[in-house]
PDB file of N, CA and C in Angstrom:
ATOM      1  N   MET A   1       0.836  -1.164   0.000  1.00  0.00           N
ATOM      2  CA  MET A   1       0.000   0.000   0.000  1.00  0.00           C
ATOM      3  C   MET A   1       0.890   1.239   0.000  1.00  0.00           C
ATOM      4  N   ALA A   2       0.396   2.296  -0.618  1.00  0.00           N
ATOM      5  CA  ALA A   2       1.160   3.536  -0.715  1.00  0.00           C
ATOM      6  C   ALA A   2       0.198   4.713  -0.717  1.00  0.00           C
ATOM      7  N   THR A   3       0.739   5.888  -0.448  1.00  0.00           N
ATOM      8  CA  THR A   3      -0.051   7.115  -0.499  1.00  0.00           C
ATOM      9  C   THR A   3       0.536   8.022  -1.563  1.00  0.00           C
ATOM     10  N   LEU A   4      -0.329   8.519  -2.433  1.00  0.00           N
ATOM     11  CA  LEU A   4       0.060   9.423  -3.510  1.00  0.00           C
ATOM     12  C   LEU A   4      -0.343  10.834  -3.116  1.00  0.00           C
ATOM     13  N   THR A   5       0.608  11.757  -3.215  1.00  0.00           N
ATOM     14  CA  THR A   5       0.355  13.165  -2.918  1.00  0.00           C
ATOM     15  C   THR A   5       0.877  14.003  -4.069  1.00  0.00           C
ATOM     16  N   TYR A   6       0.122  15.017  -4.456  1.00  0.00           N
ATOM     17  CA  TYR A   6       0.536  15.909  -5.541  1.00  0.00           C
ATOM     18  C   TYR A   6       1.077  17.209  -4.971  1.00  0.00           C
ATOM     19  N   VAL A   7       2.164  17.697  -5.572  1.00  0.00           N
ATOM     20  CA  VAL A   7       2.683  19.027  -5.260  1.00  0.00           C
ATOM     21  C   VAL A   7       2.537  19.820  -6.550  1.00  0.00           C
ATOM     22  N   TYR A   8       1.437  20.548  -6.677  1.00  0.00           N
ATOM     23  CA  TYR A   8       1.124  21.249  -7.916  1.00  0.00           C
ATOM     24  C   TYR A   8       2.162  22.307  -8.262  1.00  0.00           C
ATOM     25  N   ALA A   9       2.684  23.009  -7.271  1.00  0.00           N
ATOM     26  CA  ALA A   9       3.648  24.087  -7.531  1.00  0.00           C
ATOM     27  C   ALA A   9       4.912  23.560  -8.194  1.00  0.00           C
ATOM     28  N   ASP A  10       5.303  22.321  -7.866  1.00  0.00           N
ATOM     29  CA  ASP A  10       6.521  21.731  -8.429  1.00  0.00           C
ATOM     30  C   ASP A  10       6.234  20.746  -9.554  1.00  0.00           C
ATOM     31  N   SER A  11       4.967  20.543  -9.905  1.00  0.00           N
ATOM     32  CA  SER A  11       4.573  19.528 -10.894  1.00  0.00           C
ATOM     33  C   SER A  11       5.188  18.180 -10.535  1.00  0.00           C
ATOM     34  N   THR A  12       4.955  17.768  -9.287  1.00  0.00           N
ATOM     35  CA  THR A  12       5.546  16.537  -8.778  1.00  0.00           C
ATOM     36  C   THR A  12       4.467  15.674  -8.135  1.00  0.00           C
ATOM     37  N   ALA A  13       4.533  14.377  -8.410  1.00  0.00           N
ATOM     38  CA  ALA A  13       3.690  13.398  -7.740  1.00  0.00           C
ATOM     39  C   ALA A  13       4.597  12.616  -6.796  1.00  0.00           C
ATOM     40  N   VAL A  14       4.281  12.622  -5.515  1.00  0.00           N
ATOM     41  CA  VAL A  14       5.100  11.942  -4.513  1.00  0.00           C
ATOM     42  C   VAL A  14       4.371  10.678  -4.086  1.00  0.00           C
ATOM     43  N   LEU A  15       5.057   9.547  -4.208  1.00  0.00           N
ATOM     44  CA  LEU A  15       4.498   8.251  -3.847  1.00  0.00           C
ATOM     45  C   LEU A  15       5.310   7.714  -2.682  1.00  0.00           C
ATOM     46  N   GLY A  16       4.676   7.594  -1.527  1.00  0.00           N
ATOM     47  CA  GLY A  16       5.389   7.165  -0.330  1.00  0.00           C
ATOM     48  C   GLY A  16       4.630   6.102   0.423  1.00  0.00           C
ATOM     49  N   PRO A  17       5.126   5.745   1.593  1.00  0.00           N
ATOM     50  CA  PRO A  17       4.450   4.734   2.412  1.00  0.00           C
ATOM     51  C   PRO A  17       3.036   5.183   2.774  1.00  0.00           C
ATOM     52  N   LEU A  18       2.210   4.232   3.120  1.00  0.00           N
ATOM     53  CA  LEU A  18       0.818   4.513   3.468  1.00  0.00           C
ATOM     54  C   LEU A  18       0.758   5.501   4.628  1.00  0.00           C
ATOM     55  N   ALA A  19       0.025   6.576   4.429  1.00  0.00           N
ATOM     56  CA  ALA A  19      -0.088   7.620   5.450  1.00  0.00           C
ATOM     57  C   ALA A  19      -0.963   7.149   6.601  1.00  0.00           C
ATOM     58  N   THR A  20      -0.637   7.609   7.793  1.00  0.00           N
ATOM     59  CA  THR A  20      -1.436   7.244   8.963  1.00  0.00           C
ATOM     60  C   THR A  20      -2.574   8.223   9.199  1.00  0.00           C
ATOM     61  N   LEU A  21      -2.463   9.426   8.647  1.00  0.00           N
ATOM     62  CA  LEU A  21      -3.510  10.435   8.785  1.00  0.00           C
ATOM     63  C   LEU A  21      -4.031  10.838   7.411  1.00  0.00           C
ATOM     64  N   ALA A  22      -5.322  11.095   7.328  1.00  0.00           N
ATOM     65  CA  ALA A  22      -5.913  11.537   6.060  1.00  0.00           C
ATOM     66  C   ALA A  22      -5.571  13.005   5.833  1.00  0.00           C
ATOM     67  N   GLU A  23      -5.133  13.314   4.636  1.00  0.00           N
ATOM     68  CA  GLU A  23      -4.814  14.688   4.272  1.00  0.00           C
ATOM     69  C   GLU A  23      -5.503  15.013   2.958  1.00  0.00           C
ATOM     70  N   PRO A  24      -5.850  16.285   2.754  1.00  0.00           N
ATOM     71  CA  PRO A  24      -6.473  16.649   1.483  1.00  0.00           C
ATOM     72  C   PRO A  24      -5.499  16.438   0.331  1.00  0.00           C
ATOM     73  N   HIS A  25      -6.015  16.081  -0.796  1.00  0.00           N
ATOM     74  CA  HIS A  25      -5.242  15.877  -2.024  1.00  0.00           C
ATOM     75  C   HIS A  25      -4.230  14.743  -1.891  1.00  0.00           C
ATOM     76  N   SER A  26      -4.535  13.745  -1.086  1.00  0.00           N
ATOM     77  CA  SER A  26      -3.693  12.554  -1.027  1.00  0.00           C
ATOM     78  C   SER A  26      -4.600  11.344  -1.219  1.00  0.00           C
ATOM     79  N   TYR A  27      -4.053  10.332  -1.866  1.00  0.00           N
ATOM     80  CA  TYR A  27      -4.844   9.163  -2.230  1.00  0.00           C
ATOM     81  C   TYR A  27      -4.082   7.910  -1.852  1.00  0.00           C
ATOM     82  N   ASP A  28      -4.768   6.957  -1.218  1.00  0.00           N
ATOM     83  CA  ASP A  28      -4.162   5.680  -0.874  1.00  0.00           C
ATOM     84  C   ASP A  28      -4.300   4.739  -2.057  1.00  0.00           C
ATOM     85  N   LEU A  29      -3.214   4.050  -2.392  1.00  0.00           N
ATOM     86  CA  LEU A  29      -3.188   3.139  -3.535  1.00  0.00           C
ATOM     87  C   LEU A  29      -2.788   1.745  -3.082  1.00  0.00           C
ATOM     88  N   CYS A  30      -3.301   0.727  -3.766  1.00  0.00           N
ATOM     89  CA  CYS A  30      -2.853  -0.635  -3.513  1.00  0.00           C
ATOM     90  C   CYS A  30      -1.469  -0.808  -4.145  1.00  0.00           C
ATOM     91  N   ALA A  31      -0.800  -1.913  -3.841  1.00  0.00           N
ATOM     92  CA  ALA A  31       0.562  -2.140  -4.336  1.00  0.00           C
ATOM     93  C   ALA A  31       0.602  -2.182  -5.863  1.00  0.00           C
ATOM     94  N   GLU A  32      -0.402  -2.798  -6.485  1.00  0.00           N
ATOM     95  CA  GLU A  32      -0.424  -2.898  -7.952  1.00  0.00           C
ATOM     96  C   GLU A  32      -0.504  -1.515  -8.603  1.00  0.00           C
ATOM     97  N   HIS A  33      -1.409  -0.675  -8.125  1.00  0.00           N
ATOM     98  CA  HIS A  33      -1.541   0.657  -8.710  1.00  0.00           C
ATOM     99  C   HIS A  33      -0.348   1.543  -8.372  1.00  0.00           C
ATOM    100  N   ALA A  34       0.237   1.359  -7.205  1.00  0.00           N
ATOM    101  CA  ALA A  34       1.424   2.142  -6.838  1.00  0.00           C
ATOM    102  C   ALA A  34       2.592   1.811  -7.760  1.00  0.00           C
ATOM    103  N   SER A  35       2.726   0.548  -8.131  1.00  0.00           N
ATOM    104  CA  SER A  35       3.846   0.159  -8.998  1.00  0.00           C
ATOM    105  C   SER A  35       3.633   0.611 -10.444  1.00  0.00           C
ATOM    106  N   ARG A  36       2.387   0.783 -10.882  1.00  0.00           N
ATOM    107  CA  ARG A  36       2.106   1.180 -12.266  1.00  0.00           C
ATOM    108  C   ARG A  36       1.852   2.669 -12.435  1.00  0.00           C
ATOM    109  N   LEU A  37       2.033   3.450 -11.385  1.00  0.00           N
ATOM    110  CA  LEU A  37       1.705   4.870 -11.421  1.00  0.00           C
ATOM    111  C   LEU A  37       2.538   5.621 -12.452  1.00  0.00           C
ATOM    112  N   THR A  38       1.875   6.446 -13.232  1.00  0.00           N
ATOM    113  CA  THR A  38       2.552   7.366 -14.148  1.00  0.00           C
ATOM    114  C   THR A  38       1.997   8.759 -13.886  1.00  0.00           C
ATOM    115  N   ALA A  39       2.768   9.769 -14.246  1.00  0.00           N
ATOM    116  CA  ALA A  39       2.350  11.156 -14.032  1.00  0.00           C
ATOM    117  C   ALA A  39       2.112  11.821 -15.379  1.00  0.00           C
ATOM    118  N   PRO A  40       1.373  12.908 -15.396  1.00  0.00           N
ATOM    119  CA  PRO A  40       1.143  13.633 -16.644  1.00  0.00           C
ATOM    120  C   PRO A  40       2.453  14.149 -17.242  1.00  0.00           C
ATOM    121  N   ARG A  41       2.420  14.427 -18.529  1.00  0.00           N
ATOM    122  CA  ARG A  41       3.594  14.954 -19.221  1.00  0.00           C
ATOM    123  C   ARG A  41       4.065  16.236 -18.532  1.00  0.00           C
ATOM    124  N   GLY A  42       5.369  16.323 -18.303  1.00  0.00           N
ATOM    125  CA  GLY A  42       5.938  17.491 -17.640  1.00  0.00           C
ATOM    126  C   GLY A  42       6.002  17.366 -16.122  1.00  0.00           C
ATOM    127  N   TRP A  43       5.434  16.306 -15.583  1.00  0.00           N
ATOM    128  CA  TRP A  43       5.462  16.080 -14.142  1.00  0.00           C
ATOM    129  C   TRP A  43       6.546  15.064 -13.804  1.00  0.00           C
ATOM    130  N   GLU A  44       7.031  15.111 -12.578  1.00  0.00           N
ATOM    131  CA  GLU A  44       8.031  14.165 -12.094  1.00  0.00           C
ATOM    132  C   GLU A  44       7.387  13.297 -11.018  1.00  0.00           C
ATOM    133  N   VAL A  45       7.746  12.006 -11.006  1.00  0.00           N
ATOM    134  CA  VAL A  45       7.264  11.099  -9.964  1.00  0.00           C
ATOM    135  C   VAL A  45       8.416  10.834  -9.003  1.00  0.00           C
ATOM    136  N   VAL A  46       8.218  11.119  -7.741  1.00  0.00           N
ATOM    137  CA  VAL A  46       9.212  10.830  -6.707  1.00  0.00           C
ATOM    138  C   VAL A  46       8.691   9.639  -5.913  1.00  0.00           C
ATOM    139  N   ARG A  47       9.451   8.544  -5.945  1.00  0.00           N
ATOM    140  CA  ARG A  47       9.077   7.334  -5.206  1.00  0.00           C
ATOM    141  C   ARG A  47       9.946   7.259  -3.957  1.00  0.00           C
ATOM    142  N   LEU A  48       9.335   7.445  -2.802  1.00  0.00           N
ATOM    143  CA  LEU A  48      10.081   7.421  -1.550  1.00  0.00           C
ATOM    144  C   LEU A  48      10.458   6.006  -1.134  1.00  0.00           C
ATOM    145  N   THR A  49       9.714   5.031  -1.597  1.00  0.00           N
ATOM    146  CA  THR A  49      10.001   3.622  -1.344  1.00  0.00           C
ATOM    147  C   THR A  49       9.983   2.912  -2.688  1.00  0.00           C
ATOM    148  N   PRO A  50      11.062   2.164  -3.021  1.00  0.00           N
ATOM    149  CA  PRO A  50      11.105   1.541  -4.348  1.00  0.00           C
ATOM    150  C   PRO A  50      10.042   0.467  -4.575  1.00  0.00           C
ATOM    151  N   GLU A  51       9.673  -0.288  -3.541  1.00  0.00           N
ATOM    152  CA  GLU A  51       8.675  -1.350  -3.698  1.00  0.00           C
ATOM    153  C   GLU A  51       7.598  -1.197  -2.635  1.00  0.00           C
ATOM    154  N   PHE A  52       6.369  -1.434  -3.051  1.00  0.00           N
ATOM    155  CA  PHE A  52       5.248  -1.354  -2.130  1.00  0.00           C
ATOM    156  C   PHE A  52       4.641  -2.744  -2.018  1.00  0.00           C
ATOM    157  N   VAL A  53       4.632  -3.277  -0.809  1.00  0.00           N
ATOM    158  CA  VAL A  53       4.179  -4.641  -0.563  1.00  0.00           C
ATOM    159  C   VAL A  53       2.855  -4.582   0.187  1.00  0.00           C
ATOM    160  N   GLU A  54       1.914  -5.425  -0.257  1.00  0.00           N
ATOM    161  CA  GLU A  54       0.632  -5.524   0.435  1.00  0.00           C
ATOM    162  C   GLU A  54       0.867  -6.124   1.818  1.00  0.00           C
ATOM    163  N   THR A  55       0.273  -5.538   2.821  1.00  0.00           N
ATOM    164  CA  THR A  55       0.360  -6.077   4.171  1.00  0.00           C
ATOM    165  C   THR A  55      -1.042  -6.359   4.665  1.00  0.00           C
ATOM    166  N   GLY A  56      -1.140  -7.303   5.562  1.00  0.00           N
ATOM    167  CA  GLY A  56      -2.435  -7.630   6.140  1.00  0.00           C
ATOM    168  C   GLY A  56      -2.808  -6.625   7.206  1.00  0.00           C
ATOM    169  N   PRO A  57      -3.958  -6.816   7.809  1.00  0.00           N
ATOM    170  CA  PRO A  57      -4.382  -5.886   8.852  1.00  0.00           C
ATOM    171  C   PRO A  57      -3.452  -5.970  10.062  1.00  0.00           C
ATOM    172  N   SER A  58      -3.184  -4.832  10.668  1.00  0.00           N
ATOM    173  CA  SER A  58      -2.327  -4.793  11.848  1.00  0.00           C
ATOM    174  C   SER A  58      -3.165  -5.057  13.096  1.00  0.00           C
ATOM    175  N   HIS A  59      -2.489  -5.197  14.214  1.00  0.00           N
ATOM    176  CA  HIS A  59      -3.174  -5.401  15.494  1.00  0.00           C
ATOM    177  C   HIS A  59      -4.086  -4.206  15.797  1.00  0.00           C
ATOM    178  N   ASP A  60      -3.612  -2.992  15.490  1.00  0.00           N
ATOM    179  CA  ASP A  60      -4.420  -1.789  15.718  1.00  0.00           C
ATOM    180  C   ASP A  60      -5.670  -1.780  14.847  1.00  0.00           C
ATOM    181  N   ASP A  61      -5.538  -2.256  13.594  1.00  0.00           N
ATOM    182  CA  ASP A  61      -6.699  -2.326  12.704  1.00  0.00           C
ATOM    183  C   ASP A  61      -7.760  -3.258  13.272  1.00  0.00           C
ATOM    184  N   LEU A  62      -7.322  -4.413  13.775  1.00  0.00           N
ATOM    185  CA  LEU A  62      -8.268  -5.384  14.324  1.00  0.00           C
ATOM    186  C   LEU A  62      -8.936  -4.850  15.589  1.00  0.00           C
ATOM    187  N   LEU A  63      -8.176  -4.148  16.425  1.00  0.00           N
ATOM    188  CA  LEU A  63      -8.772  -3.562  17.628  1.00  0.00           C
ATOM    189  C   LEU A  63      -9.788  -2.484  17.270  1.00  0.00           C
ATOM    190  N   ALA A  64      -9.480  -1.662  16.276  1.00  0.00           N
ATOM    191  CA  ALA A  64     -10.414  -0.619  15.847  1.00  0.00           C
ATOM    192  C   ALA A  64     -11.690  -1.237  15.289  1.00  0.00           C
ATOM    193  N   LEU A  65     -11.554  -2.311  14.529  1.00  0.00           N
ATOM    194  CA  LEU A  65     -12.724  -2.998  13.983  1.00  0.00           C
ATOM    195  C   LEU A  65     -13.567  -3.601  15.106  1.00  0.00           C
ATOM    196  N   ALA A  66     -12.923  -4.233  16.076  1.00  0.00           N
ATOM    197  CA  ALA A  66     -13.651  -4.814  17.206  1.00  0.00           C
ATOM    198  C   ALA A  66     -14.387  -3.733  17.993  1.00  0.00           C
ATOM    199  N   ASP A  67     -13.747  -2.592  18.202  1.00  0.00           N
ATOM    200  CA  ASP A  67     -14.402  -1.487  18.915  1.00  0.00           C
ATOM    201  C   ASP A  67     -15.617  -0.977  18.147  1.00  0.00           C
ATOM    202  N   ALA A  68     -15.500  -0.871  16.826  1.00  0.00           N
ATOM    203  CA  ALA A  68     -16.615  -0.386  16.008  1.00  0.00           C
ATOM    204  C   ALA A  68     -17.790  -1.356  16.057  1.00  0.00           C
ATOM    205  N   VAL A  69     -17.507  -2.657  16.004  1.00  0.00           N
ATOM    206  CA  VAL A  69     -18.574  -3.664  16.065  1.00  0.00           C
ATOM    207  C   VAL A  69     -19.232  -3.634  17.439  1.00  0.00           C
ATOM    208  N   ARG A  70     -18.425  -3.519  18.479  1.00  0.00           N
ATOM    209  CA  ARG A  70     -18.951  -3.460  19.841  1.00  0.00           C
ATOM    210  C   ARG A  70     -19.859  -2.237  20.017  1.00  0.00           C
ATOM    211  N   GLU A  71     -19.425  -1.101  19.507  1.00  0.00           N
ATOM    212  CA  GLU A  71     -20.208   0.134  19.621  1.00  0.00           C
ATOM    213  C   GLU A  71     -21.526   0.021  18.851  1.00  0.00           C
ATOM    214  N   ALA A  72     -21.493  -0.593  17.680  1.00  0.00           N
ATOM    215  CA  ALA A  72     -22.709  -0.739  16.874  1.00  0.00           C
ATOM    216  C   ALA A  72     -23.703  -1.685  17.531  1.00  0.00           C
ATOM    217  N   GLY A  73     -23.227  -2.632  18.329  1.00  0.00           N
ATOM    218  CA  GLY A  73     -24.102  -3.601  18.974  1.00  0.00           C
ATOM    219  C   GLY A  73     -24.752  -3.103  20.247  1.00  0.00           C
ATOM    220  N   ARG A  74     -24.303  -1.973  20.751  1.00  0.00           N
ATOM    221  CA  ARG A  74     -24.884  -1.437  21.985  1.00  0.00           C
ATOM    222  C   ARG A  74     -26.274  -0.875  21.706  1.00  0.00           C
ATOM    223  N   PRO A  75     -27.202  -1.076  22.657  1.00  0.00           N
ATOM    224  CA  PRO A  75     -28.545  -0.505  22.452  1.00  0.00           C
ATOM    225  C   PRO A  75     -28.491   1.013  22.532  1.00  0.00           C
ATOM    226  N   ALA A  76     -29.366   1.636  21.788  1.00  0.00           N
ATOM    227  CA  ALA A  76     -29.441   3.100  21.784  1.00  0.00           C
ATOM    228  C   ALA A  76     -29.995   3.573  23.122  1.00  0.00           C
ATOM    229  N   PRO A  77     -29.511   4.691  23.624  1.00  0.00           N
ATOM    230  CA  PRO A  77     -30.042   5.193  24.898  1.00  0.00           C
ATOM    231  C   PRO A  77     -31.510   5.592  24.746  1.00  0.00           C
ATOM    232  N   ALA A  78     -32.275   5.354  25.794  1.00  0.00           N
ATOM    233  CA  ALA A  78     -33.704   5.683  25.763  1.00  0.00           C
ATOM    234  C   ALA A  78     -33.880   7.194  25.774  1.00  0.00           C
ATOM    235  N   ALA A  79     -34.885   7.651  25.057  1.00  0.00           N
ATOM    236  CA  ALA A  79     -35.169   9.086  25.002  1.00  0.00           C
ATOM    237  C   ALA A  79     -35.768   9.531  26.332  1.00  0.00           C
ATOM    238  N   VAL A  80     -35.335  10.653  26.797  1.00  0.00           N
ATOM    239  CA  VAL A  80     -35.835  11.199  28.054  1.00  0.00           C
ATOM    240  C   VAL A  80     -36.768  12.360  27.728  1.00  0.00           C
ATOM    241  N   ALA A  81     -37.987  12.297  28.262  1.00  0.00           N
ATOM    242  CA  ALA A  81     -38.957  13.368  28.021  1.00  0.00           C
ATOM    243  C   ALA A  81     -38.593  14.571  28.877  1.00  0.00           C
ATOM    244  N   VAL A  82     -38.577  15.725  28.255  1.00  0.00           N
ATOM    245  CA  VAL A  82     -38.287  16.966  28.967  1.00  0.00           C
ATOM    246  C   VAL A  82     -39.581  17.756  29.057  1.00  0.00           C
ATOM    247  N   GLU A  83     -39.913  18.157  30.258  1.00  0.00           N
ATOM    248  CA  GLU A  83     -41.158  18.885  30.467  1.00  0.00           C
ATOM    249  C   GLU A  83     -41.122  20.220  29.725  1.00  0.00           C
ATOM    250  N   GLY A  84     -42.200  20.515  29.015  1.00  0.00           N
ATOM    251  CA  GLY A  84     -42.290  21.779  28.296  1.00  0.00           C
ATOM    252  C   GLY A  84     -41.881  21.677  26.834  1.00  0.00           C
ATOM    253  N   LEU A  85     -41.251  20.577  26.439  1.00  0.00           N
ATOM    254  CA  LEU A  85     -40.863  20.400  25.036  1.00  0.00           C
ATOM    255  C   LEU A  85     -41.826  19.430  24.371  1.00  0.00           C
ATOM    256  N   PRO A  86     -42.140  19.627  23.093  1.00  0.00           N
ATOM    257  CA  PRO A  86     -43.059  18.711  22.413  1.00  0.00           C
ATOM    258  C   PRO A  86     -42.440  17.318  22.294  1.00  0.00           C
ATOM    259  N   SER A  87     -43.305  16.323  22.345  1.00  0.00           N
ATOM    260  CA  SER A  87     -42.869  14.940  22.243  1.00  0.00           C
ATOM    261  C   SER A  87     -42.731  14.540  20.780  1.00  0.00           C
ATOM    262  N   ALA A  88     -41.864  13.593  20.523  1.00  0.00           N
ATOM    263  CA  ALA A  88     -41.679  13.090  19.165  1.00  0.00           C
ATOM    264  C   ALA A  88     -42.589  11.899  18.894  1.00  0.00           C
ATOM    265  N   ALA A  89     -43.520  11.617  19.817  1.00  0.00           N
ATOM    266  CA  ALA A  89     -44.402  10.464  19.665  1.00  0.00           C
ATOM    267  C   ALA A  89     -45.306  10.586  18.449  1.00  0.00           C
ATOM    268  N   HIS A  90     -45.596  11.811  18.009  1.00  0.00           N
ATOM    269  CA  HIS A  90     -46.494  12.002  16.873  1.00  0.00           C
ATOM    270  C   HIS A  90     -45.804  11.711  15.538  1.00  0.00           C
ATOM    271  N   LEU A  91     -44.495  11.604  15.542  1.00  0.00           N
ATOM    272  CA  LEU A  91     -43.779  11.322  14.296  1.00  0.00           C
ATOM    273  C   LEU A  91     -43.947   9.862  13.924  1.00  0.00           C
ATOM    274  N   ALA A  92     -44.080   9.603  12.655  1.00  0.00           N
ATOM    275  CA  ALA A  92     -44.247   8.232  12.186  1.00  0.00           C
ATOM    276  C   ALA A  92     -42.921   7.491  12.284  1.00  0.00           C
ATOM    277  N   GLU A  93     -43.022   6.206  12.551  1.00  0.00           N
ATOM    278  CA  GLU A  93     -41.828   5.364  12.568  1.00  0.00           C
ATOM    279  C   GLU A  93     -41.261   5.310  11.153  1.00  0.00           C
ATOM    280  N   PRO A  94     -39.958   5.403  10.992  1.00  0.00           N
ATOM    281  CA  PRO A  94     -39.391   5.296   9.647  1.00  0.00           C
ATOM    282  C   PRO A  94     -39.600   3.887   9.106  1.00  0.00           C
ATOM    283  N   GLU A  95     -39.816   3.805   7.827  1.00  0.00           N
ATOM    284  CA  GLU A  95     -40.039   2.512   7.196  1.00  0.00           C
ATOM    285  C   GLU A  95     -38.732   1.741   7.208  1.00  0.00           C
ATOM    286  N   THR A  96     -38.753   0.566   7.833  1.00  0.00           N
ATOM    287  CA  THR A  96     -37.521  -0.206   7.956  1.00  0.00           C
ATOM    288  C   THR A  96     -37.357  -1.203   6.826  1.00  0.00           C
ATOM    289  N   ARG A  97     -38.433  -1.546   6.163  1.00  0.00           N
ATOM    290  CA  ARG A  97     -38.343  -2.509   5.077  1.00  0.00           C
ATOM    291  C   ARG A  97     -38.734  -1.830   3.786  1.00  0.00           C
ATOM    292  N   ARG A  98     -37.849  -1.854   2.832  1.00  0.00           N
ATOM    293  CA  ARG A  98     -38.119  -1.214   1.555  1.00  0.00           C
ATOM    294  C   ARG A  98     -38.809  -2.207   0.630  1.00  0.00           C
ATOM    295  N   ARG A  99     -39.837  -1.749  -0.005  1.00  0.00           N
ATOM    296  CA  ARG A  99     -40.566  -2.617  -0.918  1.00  0.00           C
ATOM    297  C   ARG A  99     -39.821  -2.670  -2.238  1.00  0.00           C
ATOM    298  N   GLY A 100     -39.603  -3.868  -2.748  1.00  0.00           N
ATOM    299  CA  GLY A 100     -38.888  -4.043  -4.005  1.00  0.00           C
ATOM    300  C   GLY A 100     -39.693  -3.567  -5.194  1.00  0.00           C
ATOM    301  N   HIS A 101     -39.023  -3.287  -6.274  1.00  0.00           N
ATOM    302  CA  HIS A 101     -39.709  -2.815  -7.470  1.00  0.00           C
ATOM    303  C   HIS A 101     -40.027  -3.957  -8.430  1.00  0.00           C
ATOM    304  N   LEU A 102     -39.615  -5.175  -8.100  1.00  0.00           N
ATOM    305  CA  LEU A 102     -39.893  -6.326  -8.949  1.00  0.00           C
ATOM    306  C   LEU A 102     -41.020  -7.148  -8.331  1.00  0.00           C
ATOM    307  N   ARG A 103     -41.812  -7.771  -9.179  1.00  0.00           N
ATOM    308  CA  ARG A 103     -42.855  -8.648  -8.674  1.00  0.00           C
ATOM    309  C   ARG A 103     -43.006  -9.836  -9.605  1.00  0.00           C
ATOM    310  N   VAL A 104     -43.606 -10.896  -9.095  1.00  0.00           N
ATOM    311  CA  VAL A 104     -43.787 -12.127  -9.850  1.00  0.00           C
ATOM    312  C   VAL A 104     -45.108 -12.052 -10.602  1.00  0.00           C
ATOM    313  N   LEU A 105     -45.070 -12.346 -11.898  1.00  0.00           N
ATOM    314  CA  LEU A 105     -46.282 -12.403 -12.716  1.00  0.00           C
ATOM    315  C   LEU A 105     -46.563 -13.859 -13.044  1.00  0.00           C
ATOM    316  N   ARG A 106     -47.797 -14.237 -12.886  1.00  0.00           N
ATOM    317  CA  ARG A 106     -48.169 -15.622 -13.188  1.00  0.00           C
ATOM    318  C   ARG A 106     -48.402 -15.758 -14.690  1.00  0.00           C
ATOM    319  N   GLY A 107     -47.899 -16.855 -15.237  1.00  0.00           N
ATOM    320  CA  GLY A 107     -48.089 -17.119 -16.660  1.00  0.00           C
ATOM    321  C   GLY A 107     -49.472 -17.690 -16.921  1.00  0.00           C
ATOM    322  N   GLU A 108     -49.877 -17.687 -18.180  1.00  0.00           N
ATOM    323  CA  GLU A 108     -51.182 -18.240 -18.540  1.00  0.00           C
ATOM    324  C   GLU A 108     -51.113 -19.754 -18.485  1.00  0.00           C
ATOM    325  N   GLU A 109     -52.154 -20.357 -17.948  1.00  0.00           N
ATOM    326  CA  GLU A 109     -52.232 -21.811 -17.866  1.00  0.00           C
ATOM    327  C   GLU A 109     -52.666 -22.350 -19.220  1.00  0.00           C
ATOM    328  N   ASP A 110     -51.995 -23.404 -19.708  1.00  0.00           N
ATOM    329  CA  ASP A 110     -52.360 -23.999 -21.009  1.00  0.00           C
ATOM    330  C   ASP A 110     -53.508 -24.941 -20.894  1.00  0.00           C
TER     331      ASP A 110
END
């Protein structure tokens, strides 16, 4: 994995190790796309690392995923009624099941 960053003032594309923080005008690339990267005519490509190797998820990635799953599984806190404010009870429940646009048509019996 690699991160591509453009320096417009210098007409340079910088390809380096995968960034740990998201920055504007930077793009994360897989190893295949990082190795095949070309720049527009008149631009220079600076490769900070000659080879980019795919790596599996790190221990931190797995912990972050586990935390996200744990957080999603927690029940939502109950709404507390505040005296003097209108209740949301009159609002309709959002539709949880979307009706499909396809239906089965029966053929003619011979």
